[in-house]
Amino acid sequence: MNFLTNLLPTVSFPPALRVKPGQRIELKSSSEIETMRAASKIVATVLKEISELTAAGMTTADLDDHAEKRIREMGATPSFKGYHGFPASICASVNNEVVHGIPRKRKVIKSGDVVKIDTGAYYEGFHGDSCITIAVGKVKPAAERLIEAAQAALYAGIEQVKPGNTLMDIAGAIEDSIKASRFTVVEDFTGHGVGRNLHEEPAVFNFRNKRAPNVTLQPGMTLAIEPIVNAGTKHTRTLSDRWTVVTLDRALSAQWEHTVLVTDAGYEILTDRSKI
C-alpha cells in the first residue's frame, strides 16, 4: 500500500497515511525475518490466486471477499481492513484509478480492464505487502506496454538493493526505467519501510528527490518498493470517497510492489509469487 509522504510539503494528504514522527528505521532480526517471510508468503499466495481467478464479469468485491477469506484461512489478518478507516482487505484500482480503490459490488470487471490489486497480511506481529497489475482478457497494446514498463521499473529498483547502496540508487533506477519507456512516474506517492507496522521509515521514492534523506541500505531492512506508472500526466486527484486516487487526465495507470529484504549479499523478494 502506497502512502503520501510528508517530504512533499506542497501535497495535501491524510495525516493517517504518514509515517509516525520520530519513527526510526528498524533492522529485523533473523527470527523476525522468518516471521516476515511467512506473512509475505501469505500475501504472495493470495495475489497469485487472484491473478488466476480474475475474469470479466466478476466484481472487485468478489476479489476482496476471496482475499479476506484466504488471508484468514492462513492464520493472518488483512493489513488493510480498518487501517485508518479503509473498509476492505484489498485496494482494487481499475484503469485510470491509481491507488486505494475501494472494492465495490457494483464495480464489474470488463475485458480490456487494467486492474491493480494491492493487499497485505498481518501475521504474528509483522506485515507483508504487495501489489500486482492484471490485464483482464484482451487489453490494448498500449496498456500491455504500460503494465510491462511498470513491472520493469519495479525490478530495476530491486536490482539496486544491496548493502552500501542508497535509497536514491533505487529511486534513480526506477525513474530512469520509466523515462526510457516514455511513461510518467507518479510522484505523489512513495514506497515505505514495512514490518511491525504497515508503513514504517524510510520513505522509498520512485524518483530522485534531493529533499529526501538518502539512507544507506543495511542488512535487515525491509522495504516495500512500489512504482506507479501513468500513461499520461503524473498528476492525480482524490475522489470524494477520500481514498480512491485517479489520474488527472483519465489515462491508464499501472503499479507493482514487492516487500524486499536487504541481505548481506543483496536482496530477497519476500513476496515472490514464483515460489508459491
C-alpha atoms as a PDB file:
ATOM      1  CA  MET A   1       0.000   0.000   0.000  1.00  0.00           C
ATOM      2  CA  ASN A   2       1.413   3.361  -1.057  1.00  0.00           C
ATOM      3  CA  PHE A   3       1.312   6.412   1.131  1.00  0.00           C
ATOM      4  CA  LEU A   4       1.823  10.098   0.540  1.00  0.00           C
ATOM      5  CA  THR A   5       4.993  11.321   2.130  1.00  0.00           C
ATOM      6  CA  ASN A   6       5.452  14.349   4.341  1.00  0.00           C
ATOM      7  CA  LEU A   7       8.668  15.022   2.443  1.00  0.00           C
ATOM      8  CA  LEU A   8       6.488  16.597  -0.242  1.00  0.00           C
ATOM      9  CA  PRO A   9       5.137  19.643   1.630  1.00  0.00           C
ATOM     10  CA  THR A  10       3.250  21.038  -1.368  1.00  0.00           C
ATOM     11  CA  VAL A  11       0.986  17.981  -1.434  1.00  0.00           C
ATOM     12  CA  SER A  12      -2.089  17.694   0.794  1.00  0.00           C
ATOM     13  CA  PHE A  13      -2.791  14.217   2.121  1.00  0.00           C
ATOM     14  CA  PRO A  14      -4.473  12.401   5.004  1.00  0.00           C
ATOM     15  CA  PRO A  15      -2.287  12.524   8.150  1.00  0.00           C
ATOM     16  CA  ALA A  16      -3.253   8.895   8.786  1.00  0.00           C
ATOM     17  CA  LEU A  17      -1.002   7.802   5.934  1.00  0.00           C
ATOM     18  CA  ARG A  18       2.120   9.491   7.238  1.00  0.00           C
ATOM     19  CA  VAL A  19       4.880   7.606   8.939  1.00  0.00           C
ATOM     20  CA  LYS A  20       4.790   8.428  12.648  1.00  0.00           C
ATOM     21  CA  PRO A  21       7.107  11.362  13.562  1.00  0.00           C
ATOM     22  CA  GLY A  22      10.396  10.230  15.048  1.00  0.00           C
ATOM     23  CA  GLN A  23       9.998   6.650  13.914  1.00  0.00           C
ATOM     24  CA  ARG A  24      13.380   5.064  13.282  1.00  0.00           C
ATOM     25  CA  ILE A  25      14.369   2.518  10.658  1.00  0.00           C
ATOM     26  CA  GLU A  26      14.230  -0.964  12.163  1.00  0.00           C
ATOM     27  CA  LEU A  27      16.713  -3.693  11.301  1.00  0.00           C
ATOM     28  CA  LYS A  28      14.943  -7.026  11.642  1.00  0.00           C
ATOM     29  CA  SER A  29      16.493  -9.947  13.498  1.00  0.00           C
ATOM     30  CA  SER A  30      16.751 -13.402  11.928  1.00  0.00           C
ATOM     31  CA  SER A  31      13.643 -14.599  13.803  1.00  0.00           C
ATOM     32  CA  GLU A  32      11.690 -11.500  12.793  1.00  0.00           C
ATOM     33  CA  ILE A  33      12.719 -12.022   9.171  1.00  0.00           C
ATOM     34  CA  GLU A  34      11.360 -15.573   9.326  1.00  0.00           C
ATOM     35  CA  THR A  35       8.018 -14.200  10.501  1.00  0.00           C
ATOM     36  CA  MET A  36       8.045 -11.617   7.711  1.00  0.00           C
ATOM     37  CA  ARG A  37       8.735 -14.399   5.210  1.00  0.00           C
ATOM     38  CA  ALA A  38       5.614 -16.161   6.468  1.00  0.00           C
ATOM     39  CA  ALA A  39       3.481 -13.005   6.304  1.00  0.00           C
ATOM     40  CA  SER A  40       4.781 -12.199   2.842  1.00  0.00           C
ATOM     41  CA  LYS A  41       4.170 -15.749   1.593  1.00  0.00           C
ATOM     42  CA  ILE A  42       0.513 -15.364   2.585  1.00  0.00           C
ATOM     43  CA  VAL A  43       0.316 -12.157   0.547  1.00  0.00           C
ATOM     44  CA  ALA A  44       2.055 -13.747  -2.433  1.00  0.00           C
ATOM     45  CA  THR A  45      -0.288 -16.741  -2.304  1.00  0.00           C
ATOM     46  CA  VAL A  46      -3.400 -14.566  -2.268  1.00  0.00           C
ATOM     47  CA  LEU A  47      -2.180 -12.382  -5.130  1.00  0.00           C
ATOM     48  CA  LYS A  48      -1.245 -15.412  -7.232  1.00  0.00           C
ATOM     49  CA  GLU A  49      -4.726 -16.833  -6.694  1.00  0.00           C
ATOM     50  CA  ILE A  50      -6.370 -13.524  -7.571  1.00  0.00           C
ATOM     51  CA  SER A  51      -4.274 -13.198 -10.726  1.00  0.00           C
ATOM     52  CA  GLU A  52      -5.546 -16.604 -11.830  1.00  0.00           C
ATOM     53  CA  LEU A  53      -9.231 -16.175 -10.967  1.00  0.00           C
ATOM     54  CA  THR A  54      -9.844 -12.572 -12.066  1.00  0.00           C
ATOM     55  CA  ALA A  55     -12.135 -12.526 -15.099  1.00  0.00           C
ATOM     56  CA  ALA A  56     -14.637 -10.313 -16.861  1.00  0.00           C
ATOM     57  CA  GLY A  57     -17.995 -10.339 -15.094  1.00  0.00           C
ATOM     58  CA  MET A  58     -16.565 -10.538 -11.586  1.00  0.00           C
ATOM     59  CA  THR A  59     -16.747  -7.561  -9.259  1.00  0.00           C
ATOM     60  CA  THR A  60     -13.928  -6.042  -7.267  1.00  0.00           C
ATOM     61  CA  ALA A  61     -15.926  -7.009  -4.172  1.00  0.00           C
ATOM     62  CA  ASP A  62     -15.662 -10.659  -5.279  1.00  0.00           C
ATOM     63  CA  LEU A  63     -11.874 -10.325  -5.260  1.00  0.00           C
ATOM     64  CA  ASP A  64     -11.936  -8.666  -1.857  1.00  0.00           C
ATOM     65  CA  ASP A  65     -14.071 -11.479  -0.440  1.00  0.00           C
ATOM     66  CA  HIS A  66     -11.609 -14.063  -1.734  1.00  0.00           C
ATOM     67  CA  ALA A  67      -8.589 -12.195  -0.335  1.00  0.00           C
ATOM     68  CA  GLU A  68     -10.050 -11.801   3.133  1.00  0.00           C
ATOM     69  CA  LYS A  69     -11.178 -15.413   3.299  1.00  0.00           C
ATOM     70  CA  ARG A  70      -7.796 -16.768   2.240  1.00  0.00           C
ATOM     71  CA  ILE A  71      -5.742 -14.436   4.455  1.00  0.00           C
ATOM     72  CA  ARG A  72      -7.758 -15.537   7.493  1.00  0.00           C
ATOM     73  CA  GLU A  73      -7.619 -19.220   6.474  1.00  0.00           C
ATOM     74  CA  MET A  74      -3.826 -18.984   6.543  1.00  0.00           C
ATOM     75  CA  GLY A  75      -3.838 -17.659  10.087  1.00  0.00           C
ATOM     76  CA  ALA A  76      -3.316 -13.969   9.382  1.00  0.00           C
ATOM     77  CA  THR A  77      -5.492 -10.866   9.377  1.00  0.00           C
ATOM     78  CA  PRO A  78      -5.874  -8.401   6.485  1.00  0.00           C
ATOM     79  CA  SER A  79      -3.452  -5.499   6.995  1.00  0.00           C
ATOM     80  CA  PHE A  80      -5.622  -3.014   5.124  1.00  0.00           C
ATOM     81  CA  LYS A  81      -9.066  -3.679   6.576  1.00  0.00           C
ATOM     82  CA  GLY A  82      -9.868  -0.981   9.100  1.00  0.00           C
ATOM     83  CA  TYR A  83      -6.496   0.699   8.550  1.00  0.00           C
ATOM     84  CA  HIS A  84      -7.352   4.314   9.342  1.00  0.00           C
ATOM     85  CA  GLY A  85     -10.890   3.509   8.251  1.00  0.00           C
ATOM     86  CA  PHE A  86     -10.171   1.699   4.975  1.00  0.00           C
ATOM     87  CA  PRO A  87     -13.177  -0.625   4.523  1.00  0.00           C
ATOM     88  CA  ALA A  88     -11.669  -3.600   2.667  1.00  0.00           C
ATOM     89  CA  SER A  89      -8.888  -6.187   2.594  1.00  0.00           C
ATOM     90  CA  ILE A  90      -7.556  -5.156  -0.817  1.00  0.00           C
ATOM     91  CA  CYS A  91      -7.180  -1.975  -2.786  1.00  0.00           C
ATOM     92  CA  ALA A  92      -8.736  -2.614  -6.194  1.00  0.00           C
ATOM     93  CA  SER A  93      -7.917   0.193  -8.620  1.00  0.00           C
ATOM     94  CA  VAL A  94      -9.230  -0.125 -12.182  1.00  0.00           C
ATOM     95  CA  ASN A  95      -7.909   1.595 -15.326  1.00  0.00           C
ATOM     96  CA  ASN A  96      -7.385   5.299 -14.508  1.00  0.00           C
ATOM     97  CA  GLU A  97      -7.665   4.650 -10.766  1.00  0.00           C
ATOM     98  CA  VAL A  98      -4.144   4.975  -9.427  1.00  0.00           C
ATOM     99  CA  VAL A  99      -4.246   3.648  -5.846  1.00  0.00           C
ATOM    100  CA  HIS A 100      -6.561   2.941  -2.893  1.00  0.00           C
ATOM    101  CA  GLY A 101      -9.581   1.913  -4.948  1.00  0.00           C
ATOM    102  CA  ILE A 102     -12.335   0.610  -2.682  1.00  0.00           C
ATOM    103  CA  PRO A 103     -13.775  -2.764  -3.778  1.00  0.00           C
ATOM    104  CA  ARG A 104     -17.489  -2.497  -4.601  1.00  0.00           C
ATOM    105  CA  LYS A 105     -20.247  -4.916  -5.557  1.00  0.00           C
ATOM    106  CA  ARG A 106     -21.268  -2.640  -8.407  1.00  0.00           C
ATOM    107  CA  LYS A 107     -17.744  -2.401  -9.839  1.00  0.00           C
ATOM    108  CA  VAL A 108     -17.906  -5.054 -12.571  1.00  0.00           C
ATOM    109  CA  ILE A 109     -14.636  -6.014 -14.237  1.00  0.00           C
ATOM    110  CA  LYS A 110     -14.648  -5.981 -18.039  1.00  0.00           C
ATOM    111  CA  SER A 111     -12.420  -7.481 -20.692  1.00  0.00           C
ATOM    112  CA  GLY A 112      -9.708  -4.945 -21.518  1.00  0.00           C
ATOM    113  CA  ASP A 113      -9.541  -3.556 -17.989  1.00  0.00           C
ATOM    114  CA  VAL A 114      -6.259  -2.895 -16.201  1.00  0.00           C
ATOM    115  CA  VAL A 115      -6.797  -3.927 -12.567  1.00  0.00           C
ATOM    116  CA  LYS A 116      -4.365  -3.178  -9.743  1.00  0.00           C
ATOM    117  CA  ILE A 117      -4.721  -5.377  -6.652  1.00  0.00           C
ATOM    118  CA  ASP A 118      -2.769  -4.339  -3.553  1.00  0.00           C
ATOM    119  CA  THR A 119      -3.025  -6.294  -0.317  1.00  0.00           C
ATOM    120  CA  GLY A 120      -1.254  -7.017   2.945  1.00  0.00           C
ATOM    121  CA  ALA A 121      -1.300  -9.671   5.661  1.00  0.00           C
ATOM    122  CA  TYR A 122      -0.516  -9.257   9.362  1.00  0.00           C
ATOM    123  CA  TYR A 123       0.932 -12.447  10.815  1.00  0.00           C
ATOM    124  CA  GLU A 124       2.365 -12.928  14.313  1.00  0.00           C
ATOM    125  CA  GLY A 125       3.217  -9.253  14.667  1.00  0.00           C
ATOM    126  CA  PHE A 126       4.538  -8.435  11.200  1.00  0.00           C
ATOM    127  CA  HIS A 127       3.146  -7.314   7.830  1.00  0.00           C
ATOM    128  CA  GLY A 128       3.766  -8.342   4.233  1.00  0.00           C
ATOM    129  CA  ASP A 129       2.660  -6.002   1.427  1.00  0.00           C
ATOM    130  CA  SER A 130       2.489  -6.424  -2.354  1.00  0.00           C
ATOM    131  CA  CYS A 131       0.640  -5.266  -5.466  1.00  0.00           C
ATOM    132  CA  ILE A 132       0.078  -6.702  -8.937  1.00  0.00           C
ATOM    133  CA  THR A 133      -1.453  -5.342 -12.126  1.00  0.00           C
ATOM    134  CA  ILE A 134      -3.751  -7.685 -14.053  1.00  0.00           C
ATOM    135  CA  ALA A 135      -4.592  -7.367 -17.746  1.00  0.00           C
ATOM    136  CA  VAL A 136      -8.138  -8.726 -17.971  1.00  0.00           C
ATOM    137  CA  GLY A 137      -8.949 -10.529 -21.195  1.00  0.00           C
ATOM    138  CA  LYS A 138      -7.682  -8.779 -24.309  1.00  0.00           C
ATOM    139  CA  VAL A 139      -6.191  -5.385 -23.474  1.00  0.00           C
ATOM    140  CA  LYS A 140      -4.903  -2.794 -25.926  1.00  0.00           C
ATOM    141  CA  PRO A 141      -1.188  -2.957 -26.863  1.00  0.00           C
ATOM    142  CA  ALA A 142      -0.605   0.422 -25.173  1.00  0.00           C
ATOM    143  CA  ALA A 143      -1.987  -0.987 -21.922  1.00  0.00           C
ATOM    144  CA  GLU A 144       0.274  -4.038 -22.211  1.00  0.00           C
ATOM    145  CA  ARG A 145       3.292  -1.776 -22.673  1.00  0.00           C
ATOM    146  CA  LEU A 146       2.310   0.277 -19.624  1.00  0.00           C
ATOM    147  CA  ILE A 147       1.935  -2.821 -17.426  1.00  0.00           C
ATOM    148  CA  GLU A 148       5.272  -4.201 -18.610  1.00  0.00           C
ATOM    149  CA  ALA A 149       7.012  -0.850 -18.087  1.00  0.00           C
ATOM    150  CA  ALA A 150       5.743  -0.593 -14.503  1.00  0.00           C
ATOM    151  CA  GLN A 151       6.925  -4.114 -13.716  1.00  0.00           C
ATOM    152  CA  ALA A 152      10.311  -3.466 -15.336  1.00  0.00           C
ATOM    153  CA  ALA A 153      10.688  -0.325 -13.219  1.00  0.00           C
ATOM    154  CA  LEU A 154       9.992  -2.326 -10.041  1.00  0.00           C
ATOM    155  CA  TYR A 155      12.726  -4.836 -10.842  1.00  0.00           C
ATOM    156  CA  ALA A 156      15.130  -2.093 -11.897  1.00  0.00           C
ATOM    157  CA  GLY A 157      14.712  -0.638  -8.417  1.00  0.00           C
ATOM    158  CA  ILE A 158      15.013  -4.004  -6.689  1.00  0.00           C
ATOM    159  CA  GLU A 159      18.293  -4.706  -8.520  1.00  0.00           C
ATOM    160  CA  GLN A 160      19.789  -1.724  -6.677  1.00  0.00           C
ATOM    161  CA  VAL A 161      19.033  -3.227  -3.260  1.00  0.00           C
ATOM    162  CA  LYS A 162      22.276  -4.220  -1.539  1.00  0.00           C
ATOM    163  CA  PRO A 163      24.260  -3.042   1.478  1.00  0.00           C
ATOM    164  CA  GLY A 164      26.096   0.204   0.775  1.00  0.00           C
ATOM    165  CA  ASN A 165      23.700   1.392  -1.901  1.00  0.00           C
ATOM    166  CA  THR A 166      21.213   4.109  -1.048  1.00  0.00           C
ATOM    167  CA  LEU A 167      17.506   4.837  -1.403  1.00  0.00           C
ATOM    168  CA  MET A 168      18.323   7.225  -4.237  1.00  0.00           C
ATOM    169  CA  ASP A 169      20.015   4.391  -6.131  1.00  0.00           C
ATOM    170  CA  ILE A 170      16.639   2.633  -6.033  1.00  0.00           C
ATOM    171  CA  ALA A 171      14.767   5.818  -6.929  1.00  0.00           C
ATOM    172  CA  GLY A 172      17.094   6.690  -9.780  1.00  0.00           C
ATOM    173  CA  ALA A 173      16.878   3.240 -11.343  1.00  0.00           C
ATOM    174  CA  ILE A 174      13.079   3.339 -11.209  1.00  0.00           C
ATOM    175  CA  GLU A 175      12.928   6.853 -12.643  1.00  0.00           C
ATOM    176  CA  ASP A 176      15.341   6.049 -15.482  1.00  0.00           C
ATOM    177  CA  SER A 177      13.441   2.873 -16.372  1.00  0.00           C
ATOM    178  CA  ILE A 178      10.114   4.693 -16.559  1.00  0.00           C
ATOM    179  CA  LYS A 179      11.528   7.601 -18.563  1.00  0.00           C
ATOM    180  CA  ALA A 180      13.082   5.168 -21.047  1.00  0.00           C
ATOM    181  CA  SER A 181       9.625   3.655 -21.581  1.00  0.00           C
ATOM    182  CA  ARG A 182       8.214   7.157 -22.284  1.00  0.00           C
ATOM    183  CA  PHE A 183       5.682   6.919 -19.471  1.00  0.00           C
ATOM    184  CA  THR A 184       5.490   9.043 -16.324  1.00  0.00           C
ATOM    185  CA  VAL A 185       6.216   8.218 -12.693  1.00  0.00           C
ATOM    186  CA  VAL A 186       3.638   9.291 -10.107  1.00  0.00           C
ATOM    187  CA  GLU A 187       5.465  11.476  -7.580  1.00  0.00           C
ATOM    188  CA  ASP A 188       2.622  11.957  -5.085  1.00  0.00           C
ATOM    189  CA  PHE A 189       3.158   8.511  -3.525  1.00  0.00           C
ATOM    190  CA  THR A 190       6.096   6.506  -2.255  1.00  0.00           C
ATOM    191  CA  GLY A 191       7.049   3.063  -1.122  1.00  0.00           C
ATOM    192  CA  HIS A 192       7.970   2.601   2.518  1.00  0.00           C
ATOM    193  CA  GLY A 193       9.542   0.503   5.192  1.00  0.00           C
ATOM    194  CA  VAL A 194       7.354  -2.362   6.352  1.00  0.00           C
ATOM    195  CA  GLY A 195       7.474  -4.675   9.361  1.00  0.00           C
ATOM    196  CA  ARG A 196       5.765  -4.324  12.722  1.00  0.00           C
ATOM    197  CA  ASN A 197       3.821  -1.503  11.116  1.00  0.00           C
ATOM    198  CA  LEU A 198       2.347  -1.448   7.632  1.00  0.00           C
ATOM    199  CA  HIS A 199       4.050   1.893   6.990  1.00  0.00           C
ATOM    200  CA  GLU A 200       7.454   2.498   8.543  1.00  0.00           C
ATOM    201  CA  GLU A 201      10.502   4.598   7.811  1.00  0.00           C
ATOM    202  CA  PRO A 202      12.060   5.089   5.358  1.00  0.00           C
ATOM    203  CA  ALA A 203      10.024   6.568   2.509  1.00  0.00           C
ATOM    204  CA  VAL A 204      11.117   4.801  -0.697  1.00  0.00           C
ATOM    205  CA  PHE A 205      10.866   7.280  -3.562  1.00  0.00           C
ATOM    206  CA  ASN A 206      10.356   6.353  -7.202  1.00  0.00           C
ATOM    207  CA  PHE A 207      12.220   9.402  -8.494  1.00  0.00           C
ATOM    208  CA  ARG A 208      15.316  11.338  -7.481  1.00  0.00           C
ATOM    209  CA  ASN A 209      14.336  13.730  -4.697  1.00  0.00           C
ATOM    210  CA  LYS A 210      17.029  15.995  -3.276  1.00  0.00           C
ATOM    211  CA  ARG A 211      14.844  16.807  -0.257  1.00  0.00           C
ATOM    212  CA  ALA A 212      14.619  13.174   0.858  1.00  0.00           C
ATOM    213  CA  PRO A 213      17.112  11.607   3.285  1.00  0.00           C
ATOM    214  CA  ASN A 214      19.426   9.430   1.201  1.00  0.00           C
ATOM    215  CA  VAL A 215      19.562   6.487   3.577  1.00  0.00           C
ATOM    216  CA  THR A 216      22.296   3.876   3.110  1.00  0.00           C
ATOM    217  CA  LEU A 217      20.901   0.355   2.913  1.00  0.00           C
ATOM    218  CA  GLN A 218      21.826  -2.159   5.611  1.00  0.00           C
ATOM    219  CA  PRO A 219      21.133  -5.877   6.058  1.00  0.00           C
ATOM    220  CA  GLY A 220      17.882  -6.415   7.944  1.00  0.00           C
ATOM    221  CA  MET A 221      16.000  -3.504   6.355  1.00  0.00           C
ATOM    222  CA  THR A 222      12.643  -4.482   4.853  1.00  0.00           C
ATOM    223  CA  LEU A 223      11.239  -2.212   2.165  1.00  0.00           C
ATOM    224  CA  ALA A 224       8.010  -2.067   0.179  1.00  0.00           C
ATOM    225  CA  ILE A 225       9.169  -0.897  -3.241  1.00  0.00           C
ATOM    226  CA  GLU A 226       6.226   0.145  -5.416  1.00  0.00           C
ATOM    227  CA  PRO A 227       6.451   2.317  -8.513  1.00  0.00           C
ATOM    228  CA  ILE A 228       3.244   3.703 -10.011  1.00  0.00           C
ATOM    229  CA  VAL A 229       3.377   4.498 -13.718  1.00  0.00           C
ATOM    230  CA  ASN A 230       0.905   6.559 -15.730  1.00  0.00           C
ATOM    231  CA  ALA A 231       0.307   6.582 -19.464  1.00  0.00           C
ATOM    232  CA  GLY A 232      -0.311  10.336 -19.399  1.00  0.00           C
ATOM    233  CA  THR A 233       0.271  13.038 -16.823  1.00  0.00           C
ATOM    234  CA  LYS A 234       1.857  12.213 -13.477  1.00  0.00           C
ATOM    235  CA  HIS A 235      -0.731  14.355 -11.687  1.00  0.00           C
ATOM    236  CA  THR A 236      -3.559  12.797  -9.675  1.00  0.00           C
ATOM    237  CA  ARG A 237      -6.602  13.726  -7.619  1.00  0.00           C
ATOM    238  CA  THR A 238      -8.549  12.021  -4.843  1.00  0.00           C
ATOM    239  CA  LEU A 239     -12.248  11.252  -5.277  1.00  0.00           C
ATOM    240  CA  SER A 240     -14.992  12.183  -2.820  1.00  0.00           C
ATOM    241  CA  ASP A 241     -14.696   8.818  -1.030  1.00  0.00           C
ATOM    242  CA  ARG A 242     -11.381  10.234   0.306  1.00  0.00           C
ATOM    243  CA  TRP A 243      -9.479   7.104  -0.721  1.00  0.00           C
ATOM    244  CA  THR A 244      -9.640   6.426  -4.456  1.00  0.00           C
ATOM    245  CA  VAL A 245      -6.961   8.313  -6.385  1.00  0.00           C
ATOM    246  CA  VAL A 246      -7.314   8.784 -10.149  1.00  0.00           C
ATOM    247  CA  THR A 247      -5.194  10.221 -12.934  1.00  0.00           C
ATOM    248  CA  LEU A 248      -5.965  13.849 -13.637  1.00  0.00           C
ATOM    249  CA  ASP A 249      -6.240  13.241 -17.386  1.00  0.00           C
ATOM    250  CA  ARG A 250      -8.131   9.909 -17.063  1.00  0.00           C
ATOM    251  CA  ALA A 251      -5.218   7.992 -18.640  1.00  0.00           C
ATOM    252  CA  LEU A 252      -4.355   4.462 -17.531  1.00  0.00           C
ATOM    253  CA  SER A 253      -2.163   3.707 -14.527  1.00  0.00           C
ATOM    254  CA  ALA A 254      -0.210   0.575 -13.503  1.00  0.00           C
ATOM    255  CA  GLN A 255       1.509  -0.440 -10.274  1.00  0.00           C
ATOM    256  CA  TRP A 256       3.661  -3.294  -8.970  1.00  0.00           C
ATOM    257  CA  GLU A 257       5.009  -3.804  -5.464  1.00  0.00           C
ATOM    258  CA  HIS A 258       7.153  -6.272  -3.542  1.00  0.00           C
ATOM    259  CA  THR A 259       8.286  -6.496   0.055  1.00  0.00           C
ATOM    260  CA  VAL A 260      12.070  -6.766  -0.198  1.00  0.00           C
ATOM    261  CA  LEU A 261      14.678  -7.704   2.418  1.00  0.00           C
ATOM    262  CA  VAL A 262      18.181  -6.237   2.319  1.00  0.00           C
ATOM    263  CA  THR A 263      20.542  -9.204   2.827  1.00  0.00           C
ATOM    264  CA  ASP A 264      24.295  -9.408   3.379  1.00  0.00           C
ATOM    265  CA  ALA A 265      24.734 -10.268  -0.300  1.00  0.00           C
ATOM    266  CA  GLY A 266      21.978  -8.136  -1.861  1.00  0.00           C
ATOM    267  CA  TYR A 267      18.255  -8.713  -1.638  1.00  0.00           C
ATOM    268  CA  GLU A 268      15.493 -11.246  -1.158  1.00  0.00           C
ATOM    269  CA  ILE A 269      11.992 -10.697  -2.559  1.00  0.00           C
ATOM    270  CA  LEU A 270       9.811 -11.855   0.322  1.00  0.00           C
ATOM    271  CA  THR A 271       6.558 -11.614  -1.679  1.00  0.00           C
ATOM    272  CA  ASP A 272       7.901 -13.564  -4.675  1.00  0.00           C
ATOM    273  CA  ARG A 273       4.875 -15.286  -6.267  1.00  0.00           C
ATOM    274  CA  SER A 274       7.067 -17.540  -8.419  1.00  0.00           C
ATOM    275  CA  LYS A 275       7.998 -19.541  -5.311  1.00  0.00           C
ATOM    276  CA  ILE A 276       4.362 -20.365  -4.433  1.00  0.00           C
END
